[in-house]
């Protein structure tokens, strides 16, 4: 379960929620879901969807528990951990994976390793990952990444003001932005190694 937004650090004794097992669902369940997904994709194609990936993407989005959205994202310019400023408008033409998190949020830290692996799988595609920290300063963020720099862009949103404007009530939260619109919203942590995360994003990311 994701943490509520707070300006205070979480108590040291706060227990992190249990992580999903590396294998995820059982092999039989995975096989069943794969067959169901591709079978339904064939149905979508037969009834008028020219691209079967649209059907697969919609079903994968349901498995990933993506809430469909159709709204304008708030523009922003934030400081980047690598230096300089980063604006939402810098990524016109790309899909944006916008993740709000904080170092004091155990579920955020739980999903971070699979986010790293997701970025490596998406590298070279028309998508950019932005991890926006709601920490009050760079100190805990830089300390966290001191020995293992992240492959994605890390931005600072002091005290979570931008997250608040986006309507974030729990950390982590992820927004998928395409063509200047928020098309998907994901509340709470995810195991981004799950196959349906790749299927969903492959369906929304335009060819390079």
N, C-alpha and C. Protein backbone atom coordinates (compact mmCIF):
# COMPACT_ATOMS: atom_id res chain seq x y z
N UNK A 1 0.86 -1.20 0.00
CA UNK A 1 0.00 0.00 0.00
C UNK A 1 0.88 1.23 0.00
N UNK A 2 0.57 2.21 -0.75
CA UNK A 2 1.41 3.38 -0.87
C UNK A 2 1.25 4.29 0.33
N UNK A 3 2.27 5.14 0.54
CA UNK A 3 2.28 6.04 1.67
C UNK A 3 1.52 7.32 1.36
N UNK A 4 0.83 7.87 2.35
CA UNK A 4 0.19 9.17 2.16
C UNK A 4 1.26 10.24 2.09
N UNK A 5 0.95 11.32 1.36
CA UNK A 5 1.87 12.43 1.25
C UNK A 5 2.06 13.05 2.61
N UNK A 6 3.32 13.35 2.95
CA UNK A 6 3.62 13.96 4.23
C UNK A 6 4.89 14.76 4.12
N UNK A 7 5.01 15.81 4.91
CA UNK A 7 6.23 16.61 4.91
C UNK A 7 7.22 16.08 5.92
N UNK A 8 6.81 15.06 6.69
CA UNK A 8 7.68 14.49 7.70
C UNK A 8 8.24 13.17 7.22
N UNK A 9 9.40 12.83 7.79
CA UNK A 9 10.01 11.56 7.44
C UNK A 9 9.24 10.43 8.09
N UNK A 10 9.21 9.29 7.45
CA UNK A 10 8.53 8.13 8.01
C UNK A 10 9.32 7.63 9.20
N UNK A 11 8.67 7.09 10.25
CA UNK A 11 9.39 6.54 11.39
C UNK A 11 10.31 5.42 10.94
N UNK A 12 11.42 5.28 11.64
CA UNK A 12 12.40 4.26 11.26
C UNK A 12 11.81 2.87 11.32
N UNK A 13 10.85 2.66 12.27
CA UNK A 13 10.33 1.31 12.44
C UNK A 13 9.22 0.97 11.46
N UNK A 14 8.84 1.92 10.62
CA UNK A 14 7.76 1.64 9.67
C UNK A 14 8.13 0.49 8.78
N UNK A 15 7.28 -0.48 8.69
CA UNK A 15 7.57 -1.68 7.91
C UNK A 15 7.21 -1.47 6.46
N UNK A 16 8.09 -1.92 5.58
CA UNK A 16 7.82 -1.84 4.15
C UNK A 16 6.85 -2.94 3.77
N UNK A 17 5.91 -2.68 2.88
CA UNK A 17 4.99 -3.72 2.47
C UNK A 17 5.73 -4.83 1.76
N UNK A 18 5.20 -6.01 1.82
CA UNK A 18 5.87 -7.15 1.21
C UNK A 18 5.94 -6.98 -0.29
N UNK A 19 7.09 -7.35 -0.85
CA UNK A 19 7.29 -7.23 -2.28
C UNK A 19 6.69 -8.43 -2.99
N UNK A 20 6.33 -8.22 -4.25
CA UNK A 20 5.84 -9.34 -5.05
C UNK A 20 6.99 -10.29 -5.29
N UNK A 21 6.71 -11.58 -5.35
CA UNK A 21 7.75 -12.56 -5.62
C UNK A 21 8.30 -12.31 -7.01
N UNK A 22 9.63 -12.55 -7.21
CA UNK A 22 10.25 -12.28 -8.50
C UNK A 22 9.51 -12.90 -9.67
N UNK A 23 8.96 -14.09 -9.45
CA UNK A 23 8.29 -14.77 -10.54
C UNK A 23 6.91 -14.26 -10.82
N UNK A 24 6.36 -13.47 -9.89
CA UNK A 24 5.00 -12.97 -10.08
C UNK A 24 4.00 -14.10 -10.02
N UNK A 25 2.93 -14.04 -10.83
CA UNK A 25 1.91 -15.08 -10.84
C UNK A 25 2.51 -16.42 -11.23
N UNK A 26 1.83 -17.49 -10.90
CA UNK A 26 2.32 -18.82 -11.25
C UNK A 26 2.41 -18.97 -12.76
N UNK A 27 3.21 -19.95 -13.19
CA UNK A 27 3.40 -20.18 -14.63
C UNK A 27 2.07 -20.47 -15.32
N UNK A 28 1.22 -21.26 -14.66
CA UNK A 28 -0.06 -21.60 -15.26
C UNK A 28 -0.93 -20.36 -15.40
N UNK A 29 -0.94 -19.52 -14.36
CA UNK A 29 -1.74 -18.29 -14.42
C UNK A 29 -1.21 -17.37 -15.50
N UNK A 30 0.13 -17.25 -15.59
CA UNK A 30 0.72 -16.41 -16.63
C UNK A 30 0.31 -16.89 -18.01
N UNK A 31 0.40 -18.20 -18.22
CA UNK A 31 0.05 -18.75 -19.52
C UNK A 31 -1.41 -18.46 -19.85
N UNK A 32 -2.28 -18.61 -18.85
CA UNK A 32 -3.70 -18.35 -19.06
C UNK A 32 -3.94 -16.90 -19.43
N UNK A 33 -3.27 -15.98 -18.70
CA UNK A 33 -3.43 -14.56 -18.98
C UNK A 33 -2.90 -14.19 -20.36
N UNK A 34 -1.77 -14.79 -20.74
CA UNK A 34 -1.21 -14.51 -22.07
C UNK A 34 -2.18 -14.93 -23.15
N UNK A 35 -2.71 -16.16 -23.02
CA UNK A 35 -3.65 -16.66 -24.03
C UNK A 35 -4.89 -15.78 -24.09
N UNK A 36 -5.38 -15.38 -22.92
CA UNK A 36 -6.57 -14.53 -22.88
C UNK A 36 -6.30 -13.18 -23.53
N UNK A 37 -5.13 -12.63 -23.24
CA UNK A 37 -4.78 -11.32 -23.79
C UNK A 37 -4.68 -11.36 -25.30
N UNK A 38 -3.95 -12.34 -25.84
CA UNK A 38 -3.76 -12.38 -27.28
C UNK A 38 -5.04 -12.83 -28.00
N UNK A 39 -5.84 -13.66 -27.33
CA UNK A 39 -7.11 -14.05 -27.92
C UNK A 39 -8.04 -12.86 -28.03
N UNK A 40 -8.07 -12.05 -26.96
CA UNK A 40 -8.92 -10.86 -27.00
C UNK A 40 -8.40 -9.85 -28.00
N UNK A 41 -7.07 -9.78 -28.15
CA UNK A 41 -6.50 -8.87 -29.14
C UNK A 41 -6.97 -9.24 -30.54
N UNK A 42 -7.04 -10.54 -30.81
CA UNK A 42 -7.52 -10.99 -32.12
C UNK A 42 -8.97 -10.56 -32.31
N UNK A 43 -9.75 -10.62 -31.21
CA UNK A 43 -11.14 -10.19 -31.29
C UNK A 43 -11.22 -8.70 -31.63
N UNK A 44 -10.42 -7.87 -30.92
CA UNK A 44 -10.43 -6.43 -31.19
C UNK A 44 -10.12 -6.16 -32.66
N UNK A 45 -9.14 -6.90 -33.21
CA UNK A 45 -8.78 -6.72 -34.61
C UNK A 45 -9.95 -7.08 -35.52
N UNK A 46 -10.64 -8.17 -35.20
CA UNK A 46 -11.72 -8.65 -36.06
C UNK A 46 -12.90 -7.69 -36.08
N UNK A 47 -13.07 -6.91 -34.99
CA UNK A 47 -14.22 -6.00 -34.95
C UNK A 47 -13.87 -4.58 -35.34
N UNK A 48 -12.66 -4.39 -35.88
CA UNK A 48 -12.37 -3.07 -36.43
C UNK A 48 -11.11 -2.40 -35.98
N UNK A 49 -10.42 -2.92 -34.96
CA UNK A 49 -9.16 -2.32 -34.56
C UNK A 49 -8.08 -2.81 -35.51
N UNK A 50 -7.50 -1.90 -36.28
CA UNK A 50 -6.50 -2.29 -37.27
C UNK A 50 -5.24 -2.81 -36.62
N UNK A 51 -4.88 -2.29 -35.44
CA UNK A 51 -3.65 -2.69 -34.77
C UNK A 51 -3.99 -3.55 -33.56
N UNK A 52 -3.58 -4.81 -33.61
CA UNK A 52 -3.90 -5.72 -32.50
C UNK A 52 -3.26 -5.26 -31.20
N UNK A 53 -2.18 -4.47 -31.28
CA UNK A 53 -1.51 -4.01 -30.06
C UNK A 53 -2.43 -3.11 -29.23
N UNK A 54 -3.41 -2.47 -29.88
CA UNK A 54 -4.37 -1.65 -29.15
C UNK A 54 -5.16 -2.52 -28.18
N UNK A 55 -5.63 -3.66 -28.66
CA UNK A 55 -6.37 -4.57 -27.81
C UNK A 55 -5.51 -5.14 -26.70
N UNK A 56 -4.30 -5.54 -27.04
CA UNK A 56 -3.38 -6.07 -26.03
C UNK A 56 -3.07 -5.00 -24.99
N UNK A 57 -2.83 -3.77 -25.47
CA UNK A 57 -2.50 -2.68 -24.56
C UNK A 57 -3.62 -2.38 -23.58
N UNK A 58 -4.86 -2.40 -24.06
CA UNK A 58 -6.00 -2.11 -23.18
C UNK A 58 -6.13 -3.18 -22.10
N UNK A 59 -5.97 -4.43 -22.51
CA UNK A 59 -6.08 -5.50 -21.53
C UNK A 59 -4.92 -5.49 -20.55
N UNK A 60 -3.72 -5.22 -21.06
CA UNK A 60 -2.56 -5.14 -20.17
C UNK A 60 -2.73 -3.98 -19.19
N UNK A 61 -3.32 -2.88 -19.66
CA UNK A 61 -3.58 -1.74 -18.78
C UNK A 61 -4.51 -2.11 -17.64
N UNK A 62 -5.48 -2.97 -17.92
CA UNK A 62 -6.39 -3.43 -16.87
C UNK A 62 -5.64 -4.27 -15.85
N UNK A 63 -4.75 -5.16 -16.33
CA UNK A 63 -3.97 -5.99 -15.42
C UNK A 63 -3.01 -5.15 -14.59
N UNK A 64 -2.50 -4.07 -15.17
CA UNK A 64 -1.59 -3.17 -14.48
C UNK A 64 -2.36 -2.20 -13.58
N UNK A 65 -3.68 -2.23 -13.68
CA UNK A 65 -4.56 -1.34 -12.92
C UNK A 65 -4.29 0.13 -13.25
N UNK A 66 -4.26 0.40 -14.55
CA UNK A 66 -4.10 1.77 -15.03
C UNK A 66 -5.48 2.41 -15.12
N UNK A 67 -5.64 3.56 -14.49
CA UNK A 67 -6.90 4.30 -14.60
C UNK A 67 -6.81 5.21 -15.82
N UNK A 68 -7.70 5.00 -16.79
CA UNK A 68 -7.68 5.82 -18.00
C UNK A 68 -8.00 7.27 -17.66
N UNK A 69 -7.25 8.17 -18.25
CA UNK A 69 -7.46 9.60 -18.04
C UNK A 69 -7.45 10.29 -19.40
N UNK A 70 -8.01 11.47 -19.45
CA UNK A 70 -7.96 12.30 -20.65
C UNK A 70 -8.00 13.76 -20.19
N UNK A 71 -6.85 14.23 -19.72
CA UNK A 71 -6.79 15.59 -19.19
C UNK A 71 -5.43 16.21 -19.47
N UNK A 72 -5.37 17.51 -19.39
CA UNK A 72 -4.12 18.22 -19.65
C UNK A 72 -3.18 18.10 -18.45
N UNK A 73 -1.91 17.80 -18.69
CA UNK A 73 -0.94 17.79 -17.60
C UNK A 73 -0.53 19.22 -17.25
N UNK A 74 -0.22 19.46 -16.00
CA UNK A 74 0.25 20.78 -15.61
C UNK A 74 1.69 20.96 -16.08
N UNK A 75 1.99 22.07 -16.74
CA UNK A 75 3.37 22.31 -17.15
C UNK A 75 4.24 22.54 -15.93
N UNK A 76 5.52 22.20 -16.03
CA UNK A 76 6.42 22.44 -14.90
C UNK A 76 7.86 22.58 -15.40
N UNK A 77 8.66 23.20 -14.57
CA UNK A 77 10.11 23.26 -14.76
C UNK A 77 10.73 23.00 -13.39
N UNK A 78 11.53 21.94 -13.31
CA UNK A 78 12.13 21.54 -12.03
C UNK A 78 13.63 21.36 -12.17
N UNK A 79 14.30 21.44 -11.05
CA UNK A 79 15.74 21.22 -11.02
C UNK A 79 16.04 19.73 -11.17
N UNK A 80 17.05 19.42 -11.97
CA UNK A 80 17.45 18.04 -12.21
C UNK A 80 18.65 17.68 -11.34
N UNK A 81 18.73 16.44 -10.90
CA UNK A 81 19.85 15.99 -10.08
C UNK A 81 21.16 16.07 -10.85
N UNK A 82 21.08 15.92 -12.17
CA UNK A 82 22.28 15.97 -13.00
C UNK A 82 22.70 17.40 -13.32
N UNK A 83 21.91 18.37 -12.86
CA UNK A 83 22.23 19.77 -13.09
C UNK A 83 21.29 20.43 -14.09
N UNK A 84 21.05 21.71 -13.91
CA UNK A 84 20.18 22.43 -14.83
C UNK A 84 18.71 22.23 -14.51
N UNK A 85 17.88 22.74 -15.39
CA UNK A 85 16.43 22.67 -15.24
C UNK A 85 15.84 21.76 -16.31
N UNK A 86 14.76 21.09 -15.97
CA UNK A 86 14.05 20.23 -16.90
C UNK A 86 12.59 20.66 -16.92
N UNK A 87 12.05 20.86 -18.12
CA UNK A 87 10.65 21.26 -18.28
C UNK A 87 9.87 20.14 -18.96
N UNK A 88 8.61 20.06 -18.64
CA UNK A 88 7.75 19.07 -19.30
C UNK A 88 7.78 19.27 -20.81
N UNK A 89 7.83 20.52 -21.23
CA UNK A 89 7.80 20.83 -22.66
C UNK A 89 9.06 20.37 -23.40
N UNK A 90 10.10 19.99 -22.66
CA UNK A 90 11.34 19.51 -23.29
C UNK A 90 11.13 18.20 -24.04
N UNK A 91 10.03 17.50 -23.72
CA UNK A 91 9.84 16.15 -24.23
C UNK A 91 8.66 16.04 -25.19
N UNK A 92 8.41 17.11 -25.92
CA UNK A 92 7.33 17.10 -26.91
C UNK A 92 7.58 15.98 -27.92
N UNK A 93 6.53 15.23 -28.23
CA UNK A 93 6.65 14.13 -29.18
C UNK A 93 6.99 12.80 -28.54
N UNK A 94 7.29 12.83 -27.24
CA UNK A 94 7.60 11.59 -26.53
C UNK A 94 6.50 11.26 -25.52
N UNK A 95 6.37 9.98 -25.21
CA UNK A 95 5.52 9.57 -24.10
C UNK A 95 6.32 9.84 -22.82
N UNK A 96 5.66 10.34 -21.80
CA UNK A 96 6.33 10.67 -20.54
C UNK A 96 5.80 9.78 -19.42
N UNK A 97 6.70 9.09 -18.77
CA UNK A 97 6.42 8.26 -17.60
C UNK A 97 6.80 9.11 -16.40
N UNK A 98 5.80 9.72 -15.75
CA UNK A 98 6.03 10.68 -14.67
C UNK A 98 5.70 10.03 -13.33
N UNK A 99 6.74 9.78 -12.55
CA UNK A 99 6.59 9.07 -11.28
C UNK A 99 6.89 10.01 -10.11
N UNK A 100 5.92 10.15 -9.20
CA UNK A 100 6.12 10.94 -7.98
C UNK A 100 6.49 9.99 -6.84
N UNK A 101 7.57 10.31 -6.13
CA UNK A 101 8.07 9.43 -5.09
C UNK A 101 8.80 10.25 -4.02
N UNK A 102 9.33 9.58 -3.00
CA UNK A 102 10.13 10.25 -1.97
C UNK A 102 11.03 9.21 -1.29
N UNK A 103 12.15 9.67 -0.76
CA UNK A 103 13.08 8.74 -0.12
C UNK A 103 12.51 8.18 1.18
N UNK A 104 11.55 8.89 1.80
CA UNK A 104 10.97 8.43 3.06
C UNK A 104 9.76 7.51 2.86
N UNK A 105 9.51 7.14 1.62
CA UNK A 105 8.35 6.32 1.27
C UNK A 105 8.80 4.89 0.95
N UNK A 106 8.59 3.92 1.86
CA UNK A 106 9.04 2.54 1.62
C UNK A 106 8.51 1.92 0.32
N UNK A 107 7.21 2.08 -0.02
CA UNK A 107 6.75 1.49 -1.28
C UNK A 107 7.43 2.10 -2.51
N UNK A 108 7.80 3.38 -2.41
CA UNK A 108 8.52 4.02 -3.53
C UNK A 108 9.87 3.34 -3.74
N UNK A 109 10.56 3.09 -2.64
CA UNK A 109 11.87 2.45 -2.72
C UNK A 109 11.73 1.01 -3.19
N UNK A 110 10.61 0.38 -2.84
CA UNK A 110 10.36 -1.00 -3.24
C UNK A 110 10.24 -1.13 -4.75
N UNK A 111 9.59 -0.16 -5.41
CA UNK A 111 9.39 -0.27 -6.85
C UNK A 111 10.56 0.27 -7.67
N UNK A 112 11.50 0.98 -7.02
CA UNK A 112 12.59 1.63 -7.75
C UNK A 112 13.46 0.66 -8.55
N UNK A 113 13.85 -0.52 -8.00
CA UNK A 113 14.67 -1.44 -8.80
C UNK A 113 13.99 -1.89 -10.09
N UNK A 114 12.70 -2.18 -10.04
CA UNK A 114 12.02 -2.62 -11.27
C UNK A 114 11.82 -1.45 -12.22
N UNK A 115 11.77 -0.22 -11.70
CA UNK A 115 11.73 0.96 -12.58
C UNK A 115 13.04 1.10 -13.34
N UNK A 116 14.14 0.80 -12.67
CA UNK A 116 15.45 0.84 -13.34
C UNK A 116 15.47 -0.15 -14.50
N UNK A 117 15.00 -1.35 -14.25
CA UNK A 117 15.02 -2.38 -15.30
C UNK A 117 14.05 -2.02 -16.42
N UNK A 118 12.92 -1.41 -16.07
CA UNK A 118 11.97 -0.97 -17.10
C UNK A 118 12.63 0.06 -18.00
N UNK A 119 13.36 0.99 -17.42
CA UNK A 119 14.04 2.02 -18.22
C UNK A 119 15.01 1.40 -19.21
N UNK A 120 15.72 0.36 -18.78
CA UNK A 120 16.68 -0.27 -19.68
C UNK A 120 15.97 -0.95 -20.85
N UNK A 121 14.77 -1.48 -20.61
CA UNK A 121 14.01 -2.12 -21.69
C UNK A 121 13.40 -1.09 -22.64
N UNK A 122 13.13 0.10 -22.11
CA UNK A 122 12.50 1.15 -22.92
C UNK A 122 13.52 2.04 -23.63
N UNK A 123 14.78 1.89 -23.29
CA UNK A 123 15.82 2.77 -23.83
C UNK A 123 15.83 2.72 -25.35
N UNK A 124 15.91 3.88 -25.97
CA UNK A 124 15.92 3.96 -27.43
C UNK A 124 14.53 4.13 -28.03
N UNK A 125 13.49 4.03 -27.19
CA UNK A 125 12.12 4.22 -27.66
C UNK A 125 11.67 5.66 -27.37
N UNK A 126 10.55 6.04 -27.93
CA UNK A 126 10.04 7.41 -27.77
C UNK A 126 9.32 7.60 -26.44
N UNK A 127 10.06 7.36 -25.37
CA UNK A 127 9.50 7.52 -24.03
C UNK A 127 10.61 7.99 -23.10
N UNK A 128 10.26 8.83 -22.15
CA UNK A 128 11.23 9.30 -21.16
C UNK A 128 10.64 9.08 -19.77
N UNK A 129 11.50 8.64 -18.84
CA UNK A 129 11.07 8.42 -17.47
C UNK A 129 11.56 9.57 -16.60
N UNK A 130 10.64 10.16 -15.85
CA UNK A 130 10.97 11.24 -14.93
C UNK A 130 10.55 10.81 -13.52
N UNK A 131 11.51 10.75 -12.61
CA UNK A 131 11.23 10.40 -11.22
C UNK A 131 11.30 11.68 -10.40
N UNK A 132 10.15 12.17 -9.98
CA UNK A 132 10.07 13.47 -9.29
C UNK A 132 9.99 13.23 -7.78
N UNK A 133 11.06 13.61 -7.09
CA UNK A 133 11.11 13.42 -5.64
C UNK A 133 10.40 14.55 -4.90
N UNK A 134 9.63 14.18 -3.89
CA UNK A 134 8.93 15.17 -3.07
C UNK A 134 9.71 15.50 -1.80
N UNK A 135 10.99 15.10 -1.76
CA UNK A 135 11.82 15.44 -0.61
C UNK A 135 12.03 16.95 -0.52
N UNK A 136 12.34 17.44 0.67
CA UNK A 136 12.49 18.87 0.88
C UNK A 136 13.81 19.41 0.32
N UNK A 137 14.80 18.54 0.15
CA UNK A 137 16.08 18.98 -0.39
C UNK A 137 16.73 17.83 -1.15
N UNK A 138 17.85 18.13 -1.81
CA UNK A 138 18.57 17.11 -2.57
C UNK A 138 19.35 16.15 -1.67
N UNK A 139 19.61 16.53 -0.44
CA UNK A 139 20.51 15.74 0.41
C UNK A 139 20.14 14.26 0.50
N UNK A 140 18.91 13.90 0.90
CA UNK A 140 18.59 12.47 0.99
C UNK A 140 18.53 11.78 -0.36
N UNK A 141 18.16 12.53 -1.39
CA UNK A 141 18.07 11.96 -2.74
C UNK A 141 19.45 11.61 -3.26
N UNK A 142 20.38 12.57 -3.15
CA UNK A 142 21.74 12.33 -3.63
C UNK A 142 22.44 11.25 -2.81
N UNK A 143 22.15 11.20 -1.53
CA UNK A 143 22.73 10.15 -0.68
C UNK A 143 22.25 8.78 -1.13
N UNK A 144 20.97 8.69 -1.46
CA UNK A 144 20.38 7.42 -1.89
C UNK A 144 21.04 6.91 -3.18
N UNK A 145 21.32 7.82 -4.11
CA UNK A 145 21.86 7.42 -5.41
C UNK A 145 23.38 7.58 -5.50
N UNK A 146 24.01 7.82 -4.36
CA UNK A 146 25.44 8.13 -4.35
C UNK A 146 26.30 7.05 -5.01
N UNK A 147 26.01 5.80 -4.71
CA UNK A 147 26.84 4.71 -5.24
C UNK A 147 26.22 4.02 -6.45
N UNK A 148 24.99 4.36 -6.75
CA UNK A 148 24.31 3.70 -7.87
C UNK A 148 23.41 4.70 -8.59
N UNK A 149 23.99 5.55 -9.45
CA UNK A 149 23.21 6.58 -10.14
C UNK A 149 22.05 5.98 -10.93
N UNK A 150 20.91 6.65 -10.96
CA UNK A 150 19.74 6.13 -11.67
C UNK A 150 19.88 6.31 -13.18
N UNK A 151 19.28 5.44 -13.98
CA UNK A 151 19.34 5.56 -15.43
C UNK A 151 18.33 6.56 -15.98
N UNK A 152 17.39 6.99 -15.14
CA UNK A 152 16.36 7.94 -15.57
C UNK A 152 16.61 9.30 -14.92
N UNK A 153 15.87 10.30 -15.39
CA UNK A 153 16.03 11.65 -14.86
C UNK A 153 15.33 11.77 -13.50
N UNK A 154 16.06 12.32 -12.53
CA UNK A 154 15.51 12.55 -11.20
C UNK A 154 15.38 14.06 -11.00
N UNK A 155 14.18 14.50 -10.66
CA UNK A 155 13.88 15.91 -10.47
C UNK A 155 13.44 16.14 -9.03
N UNK A 156 13.55 17.39 -8.56
CA UNK A 156 13.16 17.71 -7.19
C UNK A 156 11.95 18.62 -7.16
N UNK A 157 10.94 18.17 -6.41
CA UNK A 157 9.70 18.93 -6.19
C UNK A 157 9.61 19.19 -4.69
N UNK A 158 10.31 20.22 -4.19
CA UNK A 158 10.39 20.45 -2.75
C UNK A 158 9.04 20.41 -2.05
N UNK A 159 8.95 19.55 -1.05
CA UNK A 159 7.72 19.40 -0.24
C UNK A 159 6.52 18.90 -1.04
N UNK A 160 6.74 18.43 -2.26
CA UNK A 160 5.66 17.82 -3.03
C UNK A 160 4.63 18.79 -3.56
N UNK A 161 5.02 20.02 -3.84
CA UNK A 161 4.05 21.01 -4.31
C UNK A 161 3.47 20.65 -5.67
N UNK A 162 4.33 20.21 -6.60
CA UNK A 162 3.82 19.84 -7.93
C UNK A 162 2.94 18.60 -7.83
N UNK A 163 3.38 17.63 -7.02
CA UNK A 163 2.58 16.42 -6.83
C UNK A 163 1.20 16.78 -6.31
N UNK A 164 1.16 17.73 -5.38
CA UNK A 164 -0.11 18.17 -4.81
C UNK A 164 -1.00 18.78 -5.90
N UNK A 165 -0.39 19.58 -6.78
CA UNK A 165 -1.15 20.21 -7.85
C UNK A 165 -1.68 19.18 -8.85
N UNK A 166 -0.94 18.09 -9.02
CA UNK A 166 -1.40 17.02 -9.91
C UNK A 166 -2.52 16.21 -9.27
N UNK A 167 -2.72 16.40 -7.97
CA UNK A 167 -3.77 15.67 -7.29
C UNK A 167 -3.28 14.42 -6.60
N UNK A 168 -1.96 14.29 -6.48
CA UNK A 168 -1.39 13.12 -5.83
C UNK A 168 -1.75 13.09 -4.35
N UNK A 169 -2.27 11.97 -3.91
CA UNK A 169 -2.63 11.79 -2.50
C UNK A 169 -1.83 10.68 -1.84
N UNK A 170 -1.24 9.83 -2.65
CA UNK A 170 -0.45 8.71 -2.14
C UNK A 170 0.83 8.62 -2.95
N UNK A 171 1.90 8.18 -2.28
CA UNK A 171 3.15 7.93 -2.99
C UNK A 171 3.44 6.43 -2.96
N UNK A 172 3.98 5.88 -4.06
CA UNK A 172 4.23 6.55 -5.32
C UNK A 172 2.97 6.64 -6.18
N UNK A 173 2.98 7.56 -7.13
CA UNK A 173 1.95 7.63 -8.16
C UNK A 173 2.62 7.90 -9.50
N UNK A 174 2.06 7.33 -10.54
CA UNK A 174 2.65 7.44 -11.88
C UNK A 174 1.61 7.94 -12.86
N UNK A 175 2.02 8.89 -13.70
CA UNK A 175 1.17 9.42 -14.76
C UNK A 175 1.81 9.12 -16.10
N UNK A 176 1.01 8.66 -17.06
CA UNK A 176 1.50 8.42 -18.41
C UNK A 176 0.94 9.53 -19.30
N UNK A 177 1.84 10.29 -19.91
CA UNK A 177 1.45 11.46 -20.71
C UNK A 177 1.83 11.23 -22.17
N UNK A 178 0.87 11.45 -23.06
CA UNK A 178 1.11 11.27 -24.50
C UNK A 178 0.38 12.35 -25.28
N UNK A 179 1.06 12.93 -26.26
CA UNK A 179 0.46 13.96 -27.12
C UNK A 179 -0.17 15.09 -26.30
N UNK A 180 0.52 15.48 -25.23
CA UNK A 180 0.04 16.60 -24.43
C UNK A 180 -1.15 16.30 -23.55
N UNK A 181 -1.45 15.00 -23.33
CA UNK A 181 -2.58 14.61 -22.49
C UNK A 181 -2.16 13.52 -21.51
N UNK A 182 -2.71 13.56 -20.31
CA UNK A 182 -2.53 12.45 -19.38
C UNK A 182 -3.48 11.35 -19.83
N UNK A 183 -2.92 10.20 -20.21
CA UNK A 183 -3.77 9.11 -20.70
C UNK A 183 -3.90 7.97 -19.69
N UNK A 184 -3.02 7.97 -18.68
CA UNK A 184 -3.08 6.90 -17.69
C UNK A 184 -2.58 7.35 -16.33
N UNK A 185 -3.18 6.79 -15.29
CA UNK A 185 -2.81 7.12 -13.91
C UNK A 185 -2.69 5.82 -13.13
N UNK A 186 -1.62 5.69 -12.37
CA UNK A 186 -1.38 4.47 -11.59
C UNK A 186 -1.09 4.86 -10.15
N UNK A 187 -1.95 4.45 -9.25
CA UNK A 187 -1.77 4.76 -7.83
C UNK A 187 -1.06 3.61 -7.13
N UNK A 188 -0.02 3.95 -6.40
CA UNK A 188 0.69 2.95 -5.63
C UNK A 188 1.82 2.29 -6.42
N UNK A 189 2.61 1.46 -5.74
CA UNK A 189 3.76 0.82 -6.39
C UNK A 189 3.34 -0.29 -7.33
N UNK A 190 4.20 -0.56 -8.30
CA UNK A 190 3.99 -1.67 -9.22
C UNK A 190 5.30 -2.44 -9.37
N UNK A 191 5.17 -3.70 -9.74
CA UNK A 191 6.33 -4.47 -10.13
C UNK A 191 6.46 -4.28 -11.64
N UNK A 192 7.36 -3.39 -12.05
CA UNK A 192 7.48 -3.05 -13.46
C UNK A 192 8.15 -4.15 -14.27
N UNK A 193 8.51 -5.24 -13.62
CA UNK A 193 9.03 -6.41 -14.35
C UNK A 193 7.89 -7.26 -14.90
N UNK A 194 6.66 -7.03 -14.44
CA UNK A 194 5.54 -7.81 -14.94
C UNK A 194 5.39 -7.61 -16.45
N UNK A 195 5.12 -8.69 -17.15
CA UNK A 195 5.07 -8.64 -18.62
C UNK A 195 4.01 -7.67 -19.13
N UNK A 196 2.92 -7.52 -18.38
CA UNK A 196 1.87 -6.64 -18.89
C UNK A 196 2.25 -5.16 -18.80
N UNK A 197 3.28 -4.81 -18.02
CA UNK A 197 3.78 -3.42 -18.03
C UNK A 197 4.40 -3.12 -19.38
N UNK A 198 5.18 -4.08 -19.90
CA UNK A 198 5.80 -3.91 -21.22
C UNK A 198 4.74 -3.85 -22.32
N UNK A 199 3.74 -4.73 -22.23
CA UNK A 199 2.70 -4.77 -23.26
C UNK A 199 1.93 -3.45 -23.28
N UNK A 200 1.59 -2.94 -22.10
CA UNK A 200 0.85 -1.67 -22.02
C UNK A 200 1.66 -0.53 -22.61
N UNK A 201 2.92 -0.40 -22.21
CA UNK A 201 3.73 0.72 -22.69
C UNK A 201 4.08 0.57 -24.17
N UNK A 202 4.30 -0.65 -24.64
CA UNK A 202 4.56 -0.85 -26.07
C UNK A 202 3.38 -0.37 -26.91
N UNK A 203 2.17 -0.51 -26.35
CA UNK A 203 0.97 -0.12 -27.10
C UNK A 203 0.80 1.40 -27.16
N UNK A 204 1.32 2.12 -26.15
CA UNK A 204 1.11 3.57 -26.14
C UNK A 204 2.31 4.35 -26.70
N UNK A 205 3.48 3.70 -26.76
CA UNK A 205 4.68 4.41 -27.24
C UNK A 205 4.74 4.33 -28.76
N UNK A 206 4.81 5.48 -29.44
CA UNK A 206 4.89 5.47 -30.91
C UNK A 206 6.23 4.94 -31.38
N UNK A 207 6.30 4.41 -32.60
CA UNK A 207 7.57 3.90 -33.13
C UNK A 207 8.63 4.99 -33.17
N UNK A 208 9.89 4.59 -32.97
CA UNK A 208 11.00 5.56 -33.00
C UNK A 208 11.23 6.05 -34.42
